[in-house]
C-alpha atoms as a PDB file:
ATOM      1  CA  UNK A   1     111.365 113.590 113.316  1.00  0.00           C
ATOM      2  CA  UNK A   2     107.646 115.591 115.023  1.00  0.00           C
ATOM      3  CA  UNK A   3     105.889 113.670 112.988  1.00  0.00           C
ATOM      4  CA  UNK A   4     107.065 110.013 115.013  1.00  0.00           C
ATOM      5  CA  UNK A   5     107.141 112.309 118.385  1.00  0.00           C
ATOM      6  CA  UNK A   6     103.582 113.343 117.631  1.00  0.00           C
ATOM      7  CA  UNK A   7     102.592 110.118 115.973  1.00  0.00           C
ATOM      8  CA  UNK A   8     103.903 108.412 119.533  1.00  0.00           C
ATOM      9  CA  UNK A   9     102.050 110.675 121.447  1.00  0.00           C
ATOM     10  CA  UNK A  10      98.762 110.218 119.361  1.00  0.00           C
ATOM     11  CA  UNK A  11      99.134 105.785 120.045  1.00  0.00           C
ATOM     12  CA  UNK A  12     100.000 106.348 123.956  1.00  0.00           C
ATOM     13  CA  UNK A  13      97.390 108.978 124.678  1.00  0.00           C
ATOM     14  CA  UNK A  14      94.703 106.428 122.765  1.00  0.00           C
ATOM     15  CA  UNK A  15      96.518 103.294 124.476  1.00  0.00           C
ATOM     16  CA  UNK A  16      95.631 105.383 127.774  1.00  0.00           C
ATOM     17  CA  UNK A  17      91.655 106.333 126.724  1.00  0.00           C
ATOM     18  CA  UNK A  18      90.840 102.692 125.136  1.00  0.00           C
ATOM     19  CA  UNK A  19      92.927 101.156 128.862  1.00  0.00           C
ATOM     20  CA  UNK A  20      90.524 103.516 131.138  1.00  0.00           C
ATOM     21  CA  UNK A  21      87.476 102.065 129.239  1.00  0.00           C
ATOM     22  CA  UNK A  22      88.994  97.772 130.013  1.00  0.00           C
ATOM     23  CA  UNK A  23      89.099  99.759 133.903  1.00  0.00           C
ATOM     24  CA  UNK A  24      85.485 101.141 133.440  1.00  0.00           C
ATOM     25  CA  UNK A  25      83.887  97.733 132.421  1.00  0.00           C
ATOM     26  CA  UNK A  26      85.283  95.754 134.696  1.00  0.00           C
ATOM     27  CA  UNK A  27      84.296  97.559 137.327  1.00  0.00           C
ATOM     28  CA  UNK A  28      80.797  97.261 136.021  1.00  0.00           C
ATOM     29  CA  UNK A  29      81.307  93.784 135.629  1.00  0.00           C
ATOM     30  CA  UNK A  30      82.550  93.521 139.018  1.00  0.00           C
ATOM     31  CA  UNK A  31      79.488  95.419 140.695  1.00  0.00           C
ATOM     32  CA  UNK A  32      76.781  93.977 138.527  1.00  0.00           C
ATOM     33  CA  UNK A  33      78.414  90.753 138.869  1.00  0.00           C
ATOM     34  CA  UNK A  34      78.728  90.969 142.841  1.00  0.00           C
ATOM     35  CA  UNK A  35      74.298  90.284 142.751  1.00  0.00           C
ATOM     36  CA  UNK A  36      75.225  86.995 141.463  1.00  0.00           C
ATOM     37  CA  UNK A  37      74.501  83.867 143.319  1.00  0.00           C
ATOM     38  CA  UNK A  38      76.681  80.801 142.968  1.00  0.00           C
ATOM     39  CA  UNK A  39      73.652  78.484 144.039  1.00  0.00           C
ATOM     40  CA  UNK A  40      69.908  79.372 144.071  1.00  0.00           C
ATOM     41  CA  UNK A  41      67.340  77.739 146.060  1.00  0.00           C
ATOM     42  CA  UNK A  42      64.043  79.006 145.917  1.00  0.00           C
ATOM     43  CA  UNK A  43      60.728  77.839 146.685  1.00  0.00           C
ATOM     44  CA  UNK A  44      57.843  78.077 144.324  1.00  0.00           C
ATOM     45  CA  UNK A  45      56.875  81.320 145.965  1.00  0.00           C
ATOM     46  CA  UNK A  46      60.308  83.111 145.014  1.00  0.00           C
ATOM     47  CA  UNK A  47      60.361  83.031 141.583  1.00  0.00           C
ATOM     48  CA  UNK A  48      61.570  86.488 140.844  1.00  0.00           C
ATOM     49  CA  UNK A  49      65.103  86.059 142.235  1.00  0.00           C
ATOM     50  CA  UNK A  50      65.036  83.634 139.781  1.00  0.00           C
ATOM     51  CA  UNK A  51      63.979  86.186 136.908  1.00  0.00           C
ATOM     52  CA  UNK A  52      66.596  88.689 138.430  1.00  0.00           C
ATOM     53  CA  UNK A  53      68.728  86.474 138.527  1.00  0.00           C
ATOM     54  CA  UNK A  54      68.352  86.335 134.592  1.00  0.00           C
ATOM     55  CA  UNK A  55      68.588  89.201 133.937  1.00  0.00           C
ATOM     56  CA  UNK A  56      72.300  90.045 136.129  1.00  0.00           C
ATOM     57  CA  UNK A  57      73.774  86.854 133.962  1.00  0.00           C
ATOM     58  CA  UNK A  58      72.098  88.723 130.251  1.00  0.00           C
ATOM     59  CA  UNK A  59      73.462  91.832 131.465  1.00  0.00           C
ATOM     60  CA  UNK A  60      76.962  89.932 132.030  1.00  0.00           C
ATOM     61  CA  UNK A  61      76.647  88.050 129.128  1.00  0.00           C
ATOM     62  CA  UNK A  62      75.616  91.479 126.722  1.00  0.00           C
ATOM     63  CA  UNK A  63      78.141  93.120 128.471  1.00  0.00           C
ATOM     64  CA  UNK A  64      81.280  90.158 127.652  1.00  0.00           C
ATOM     65  CA  UNK A  65      82.364  91.214 123.973  1.00  0.00           C
ATOM     66  CA  UNK A  66      82.462  94.518 124.702  1.00  0.00           C
ATOM     67  CA  UNK A  67      85.725  93.874 127.641  1.00  0.00           C
ATOM     68  CA  UNK A  68      86.831  91.468 124.903  1.00  0.00           C
ATOM     69  CA  UNK A  69      87.046  94.017 123.018  1.00  0.00           C
ATOM     70  CA  UNK A  70      88.791  96.076 124.681  1.00  0.00           C
ATOM     71  CA  UNK A  71      91.004  93.229 126.025  1.00  0.00           C
ATOM     72  CA  UNK A  72      92.265  93.151 122.424  1.00  0.00           C
ATOM     73  CA  UNK A  73      92.324  96.965 121.790  1.00  0.00           C
ATOM     74  CA  UNK A  74      94.370  97.993 124.483  1.00  0.00           C
ATOM     75  CA  UNK A  75      96.678  94.956 124.157  1.00  0.00           C
ATOM     76  CA  UNK A  76      97.329  95.032 120.444  1.00  0.00           C
ATOM     77  CA  UNK A  77      97.256  99.296 121.367  1.00  0.00           C
ATOM     78  CA  UNK A  78      99.745  99.128 123.873  1.00  0.00           C
ATOM     79  CA  UNK A  79     102.376  96.717 122.024  1.00  0.00           C
ATOM     80  CA  UNK A  80     102.237  98.643 118.816  1.00  0.00           C
ATOM     81  CA  UNK A  81     102.762 102.029 120.769  1.00  0.00           C
ATOM     82  CA  UNK A  82     106.026  99.795 122.986  1.00  0.00           C
ATOM     83  CA  UNK A  83     107.401  98.312 118.794  1.00  0.00           C
ATOM     84  CA  UNK A  84     107.353 101.846 118.186  1.00  0.00           C
ATOM     85  CA  UNK A  85     108.767 103.835 120.850  1.00  0.00           C
ATOM     86  CA  UNK A  86     111.508 100.384 120.526  1.00  0.00           C
ATOM     87  CA  UNK A  87     112.259 101.198 116.532  1.00  0.00           C
ATOM     88  CA  UNK A  88     112.811 105.021 117.163  1.00  0.00           C
ATOM     89  CA  UNK A  89     115.422 104.294 119.846  1.00  0.00           C
ATOM     90  CA  UNK A  90     117.034 102.225 117.443  1.00  0.00           C
ATOM     91  CA  UNK A  91     117.384 104.354 115.190  1.00  0.00           C
END
């Protein structure tokens, strides 16, 4: 009995940590995307703006797999924790 309570607590803490990481990554993505322009009209003298926008898009693309991975991990851990809790309640 003590082992299953401990397992549930560990799963809950792990889920909370992964979800906190997900929130941090979402905030980082939002901050980075604040500087992204939907449409960019530049004249030949403002080519640095184009390079800056490409850098922002590249940073967002590098962040994307980590964001998707933490979403999947959070959902799976949340469902597993809830399933274990339901299983324990039914016993």
